[in-house]
């Protein structure tokens, strides 16, 4: 039980009581609401003299001020039920992340194997984002899954080739969230411009950098042609 929750419950109930008293004073307002849509076929027989406050209902609600009530058919202990309920909220939140930031829906592929591949990719992305969220929380740098996904999507590295003999890389979008993620992953945030050797060391990459990043110069030339 929390005092702030109890105060909010009392405030909400007082508002509803005021609205109920107004309806008691003007029962015709109740009937007016039943004249809209399908409710126009519902017959409400209400006499103004018999309308009154439901004191028993009010007293029943007062017992739960400040208490979060979970109704369940389980026979498990209360703490276990609350733990299950908490996990359910995390599952629902994960589904929301899948459909929003990870773009699991809408599906723009048709073949069954492509659909399975699409959802497998989204699920793996969800697992990685949740793992990063856990690592960031342990480091005292809380970030939501949406912040993690959007920040990582904004970070980019491009190979720049002004001449054939020169190779260096340009970076952008490495904001504070990306820096925190790289920190918990044991990586170093790259500078705006990097040489291949220093970039490999900071990102702990053991393959050729040219194989990983596409040259923006090459892309622009292909688009012009």
Protein backbone atom coordinates (compact mmCIF):
# COMPACT_ATOMS: atom_id res chain seq x y z
CA UNK A 1 0.00 0.00 0.00
CA UNK A 2 1.36 3.44 -0.93
CA UNK A 3 0.08 6.81 0.40
CA UNK A 4 0.38 8.46 -3.03
CA UNK A 5 -1.70 5.70 -4.65
CA UNK A 6 -4.29 5.99 -1.83
CA UNK A 7 -4.56 9.77 -2.35
CA UNK A 8 -5.03 9.31 -6.09
CA UNK A 9 -7.70 6.64 -5.53
CA UNK A 10 -9.61 8.96 -3.16
CA UNK A 11 -9.38 11.85 -5.61
CA UNK A 12 -10.64 9.71 -8.50
CA UNK A 13 -13.49 8.33 -6.41
CA UNK A 14 -14.53 11.82 -5.21
CA UNK A 15 -14.74 12.93 -8.83
CA UNK A 16 -16.95 9.97 -9.71
CA UNK A 17 -19.15 10.61 -6.66
CA UNK A 18 -19.66 14.22 -7.77
CA UNK A 19 -20.64 12.99 -11.24
CA UNK A 20 -23.00 10.41 -9.69
CA UNK A 21 -24.67 13.08 -7.54
CA UNK A 22 -25.26 15.21 -10.63
CA UNK A 23 -26.94 12.24 -12.31
CA UNK A 24 -29.08 11.67 -9.22
CA UNK A 25 -30.22 15.29 -9.36
CA UNK A 26 -30.91 15.04 -13.10
CA UNK A 27 -31.87 11.42 -13.99
CA UNK A 28 -32.92 12.55 -17.46
CA UNK A 29 -29.21 12.85 -18.32
CA UNK A 30 -28.84 9.09 -17.82
CA UNK A 31 -31.70 8.37 -20.19
CA UNK A 32 -30.27 10.84 -22.72
CA UNK A 33 -27.07 8.79 -22.98
CA UNK A 34 -29.12 5.74 -23.96
CA UNK A 35 -30.55 7.51 -26.99
CA UNK A 36 -27.28 7.20 -28.92
CA UNK A 37 -26.47 4.32 -31.27
CA UNK A 38 -27.56 0.82 -30.28
CA UNK A 39 -28.33 2.00 -26.74
CA UNK A 40 -31.45 3.65 -28.14
CA UNK A 41 -33.01 0.17 -28.12
CA UNK A 42 -32.39 -0.23 -24.36
CA UNK A 43 -35.29 0.63 -22.08
CA UNK A 44 -34.27 2.38 -18.85
CA UNK A 45 -36.96 2.64 -16.22
CA UNK A 46 -35.74 5.11 -13.63
CA UNK A 47 -37.77 7.15 -11.20
CA UNK A 48 -36.20 10.28 -9.77
CA UNK A 49 -37.54 9.49 -6.29
CA UNK A 50 -35.75 6.13 -6.16
CA UNK A 51 -32.37 7.39 -7.41
CA UNK A 52 -29.76 7.60 -4.69
CA UNK A 53 -26.06 7.15 -3.94
CA UNK A 54 -24.70 3.61 -3.66
CA UNK A 55 -23.08 4.00 -0.24
CA UNK A 56 -22.25 0.29 -0.06
CA UNK A 57 -20.37 0.49 -3.37
CA UNK A 58 -18.43 3.52 -2.16
CA UNK A 59 -17.45 1.80 1.12
CA UNK A 60 -16.38 -1.30 -0.80
CA UNK A 61 -14.02 0.72 -2.99
CA UNK A 62 -12.61 2.63 -0.02
CA UNK A 63 -11.17 -0.64 1.33
CA UNK A 64 -8.75 -0.80 -1.61
CA UNK A 65 -7.38 2.76 -1.50
CA UNK A 66 -3.67 2.64 -2.24
CA UNK A 67 -3.74 -1.10 -2.94
CA UNK A 68 -3.05 -2.67 -6.34
CA UNK A 69 -5.45 -5.61 -6.59
CA UNK A 70 -4.81 -8.57 -8.90
CA UNK A 71 -7.65 -11.06 -9.38
CA UNK A 72 -6.52 -14.51 -10.48
CA UNK A 73 -7.63 -18.13 -10.65
CA UNK A 74 -4.18 -19.33 -9.52
CA UNK A 75 -3.67 -21.00 -6.13
CA UNK A 76 -0.07 -19.75 -5.93
CA UNK A 77 1.24 -17.51 -3.10
CA UNK A 78 0.60 -13.76 -3.49
CA UNK A 79 4.26 -12.90 -4.16
CA UNK A 80 4.49 -15.50 -6.91
CA UNK A 81 1.30 -14.17 -8.53
CA UNK A 82 2.70 -10.63 -8.46
CA UNK A 83 5.95 -11.86 -10.05
CA UNK A 84 3.97 -13.58 -12.82
CA UNK A 85 1.91 -10.43 -13.33
CA UNK A 86 5.09 -8.35 -13.55
CA UNK A 87 6.52 -10.67 -16.20
CA UNK A 88 3.26 -10.42 -18.14
CA UNK A 89 3.70 -6.67 -18.36
CA UNK A 90 7.24 -7.16 -19.67
CA UNK A 91 5.94 -9.59 -22.30
CA UNK A 92 3.27 -7.12 -23.41
CA UNK A 93 5.90 -4.38 -23.53
CA UNK A 94 8.13 -6.62 -25.68
CA UNK A 95 5.27 -7.17 -28.14
CA UNK A 96 4.80 -3.40 -28.37
CA UNK A 97 8.51 -2.95 -29.09
CA UNK A 98 8.38 -5.66 -31.76
CA UNK A 99 5.54 -3.91 -33.57
CA UNK A 100 6.89 -0.36 -33.19
CA UNK A 101 10.64 0.24 -33.01
CA UNK A 102 11.62 -3.17 -34.43
CA UNK A 103 8.93 -2.94 -37.17
CA UNK A 104 7.75 -6.56 -37.02
CA UNK A 105 4.46 -5.35 -38.45
CA UNK A 106 3.49 -4.71 -41.18
CA UNK A 107 5.03 -7.68 -43.01
CA UNK A 108 6.09 -6.94 -46.60
CA UNK A 109 7.13 -10.49 -47.56
CA UNK A 110 4.89 -13.25 -48.86
CA UNK A 111 6.63 -16.64 -48.92
CA UNK A 112 6.39 -18.67 -45.66
CA UNK A 113 10.17 -19.02 -45.28
CA UNK A 114 10.59 -15.27 -45.76
CA UNK A 115 7.90 -14.54 -43.16
CA UNK A 116 9.62 -16.86 -40.66
CA UNK A 117 12.96 -15.24 -41.43
CA UNK A 118 11.47 -11.78 -40.90
CA UNK A 119 10.06 -12.62 -37.47
CA UNK A 120 13.21 -14.52 -36.47
CA UNK A 121 15.29 -11.44 -37.27
CA UNK A 122 12.90 -9.24 -35.26
CA UNK A 123 13.00 -11.67 -32.33
CA UNK A 124 16.81 -11.77 -32.31
CA UNK A 125 16.87 -7.96 -32.41
CA UNK A 126 14.49 -7.91 -29.42
CA UNK A 127 16.76 -10.31 -27.47
CA UNK A 128 19.81 -8.15 -28.20
CA UNK A 129 18.03 -4.91 -27.22
CA UNK A 130 16.80 -6.50 -23.95
CA UNK A 131 20.32 -7.76 -23.19
CA UNK A 132 21.76 -4.29 -23.81
CA UNK A 133 19.02 -2.80 -21.61
CA UNK A 134 20.03 -5.21 -18.83
CA UNK A 135 23.75 -4.36 -19.19
CA UNK A 136 23.03 -0.62 -19.19
CA UNK A 137 20.85 -0.93 -16.06
CA UNK A 138 23.65 -2.78 -14.28
CA UNK A 139 25.99 0.09 -15.21
CA UNK A 140 23.51 2.67 -13.87
CA UNK A 141 22.78 4.02 -17.36
CA UNK A 142 19.11 3.18 -17.87
CA UNK A 143 17.80 3.31 -21.44
CA UNK A 144 14.49 2.14 -22.84
CA UNK A 145 14.43 -0.44 -25.69
CA UNK A 146 13.13 2.28 -28.04
CA UNK A 147 16.07 4.56 -27.17
CA UNK A 148 18.51 1.70 -27.75
CA UNK A 149 17.08 0.74 -31.15
CA UNK A 150 16.66 4.30 -32.47
CA UNK A 151 20.14 5.33 -31.31
CA UNK A 152 21.83 2.31 -32.88
CA UNK A 153 19.92 2.92 -36.11
CA UNK A 154 21.21 6.49 -36.19
CA UNK A 155 24.89 5.48 -35.90
CA UNK A 156 26.68 4.94 -39.20
CA UNK A 157 30.20 4.44 -40.58
CA UNK A 158 31.06 5.00 -44.24
CA UNK A 159 34.20 4.28 -46.22
CA UNK A 160 35.42 7.42 -47.96
CA UNK A 161 37.70 7.14 -51.00
CA UNK A 162 38.68 10.55 -52.37
CA UNK A 163 41.49 8.79 -54.30
CA UNK A 164 42.39 5.16 -54.86
CA UNK A 165 45.43 5.34 -52.57
CA UNK A 166 43.66 6.98 -49.62
CA UNK A 167 41.31 5.05 -47.33
CA UNK A 168 39.63 6.53 -44.30
CA UNK A 169 36.21 6.39 -42.65
CA UNK A 170 33.62 8.94 -41.60
CA UNK A 171 31.26 8.40 -38.65
CA UNK A 172 28.00 10.03 -37.59
CA UNK A 173 25.13 9.52 -35.13
CA UNK A 174 27.25 8.27 -32.23
CA UNK A 175 25.19 9.97 -29.51
CA UNK A 176 25.37 9.51 -25.73
CA UNK A 177 23.21 6.36 -25.79
CA UNK A 178 25.42 4.73 -28.43
CA UNK A 179 28.49 5.72 -26.40
CA UNK A 180 27.01 4.07 -23.29
CA UNK A 181 26.18 0.91 -25.26
CA UNK A 182 29.71 0.74 -26.66
CA UNK A 183 31.11 1.28 -23.18
CA UNK A 184 29.25 -1.69 -21.64
CA UNK A 185 30.23 -3.76 -24.70
CA UNK A 186 33.92 -2.97 -24.18
CA UNK A 187 34.22 -0.83 -27.33
CA UNK A 188 35.55 2.70 -27.92
CA UNK A 189 33.53 5.40 -29.63
CA UNK A 190 35.24 6.32 -32.92
CA UNK A 191 36.19 9.87 -33.87
CA UNK A 192 34.52 11.70 -36.74
CA UNK A 193 37.26 10.53 -39.10
CA UNK A 194 39.24 7.32 -38.59
CA UNK A 195 42.04 5.38 -40.20
CA UNK A 196 41.33 1.66 -40.86
CA UNK A 197 43.83 0.46 -38.24
CA UNK A 198 42.51 2.66 -35.40
CA UNK A 199 38.88 1.91 -36.31
CA UNK A 200 39.54 -1.84 -36.23
CA UNK A 201 41.14 -1.49 -32.81
CA UNK A 202 38.29 0.59 -31.34
CA UNK A 203 35.56 -1.70 -32.70
CA UNK A 204 37.57 -4.90 -32.11
CA UNK A 205 37.11 -5.93 -35.74
CA UNK A 206 39.48 -8.55 -37.12
CA UNK A 207 38.27 -8.53 -40.75
CA UNK A 208 39.12 -6.01 -43.44
CA UNK A 209 37.23 -2.77 -42.83
CA UNK A 210 36.60 -2.31 -46.54
CA UNK A 211 34.51 -5.51 -46.56
CA UNK A 212 32.22 -4.22 -43.81
CA UNK A 213 31.39 -0.68 -44.94
CA UNK A 214 30.29 0.61 -48.31
CA UNK A 215 32.00 3.64 -49.82
CA UNK A 216 29.70 6.64 -50.05
CA UNK A 217 31.76 7.84 -52.97
CA UNK A 218 31.18 4.61 -54.88
CA UNK A 219 27.47 4.76 -54.13
CA UNK A 220 27.18 8.31 -55.43
CA UNK A 221 29.04 7.40 -58.64
CA UNK A 222 26.72 4.46 -59.30
CA UNK A 223 23.63 6.62 -58.74
CA UNK A 224 24.91 9.24 -61.20
CA UNK A 225 25.63 6.63 -63.83
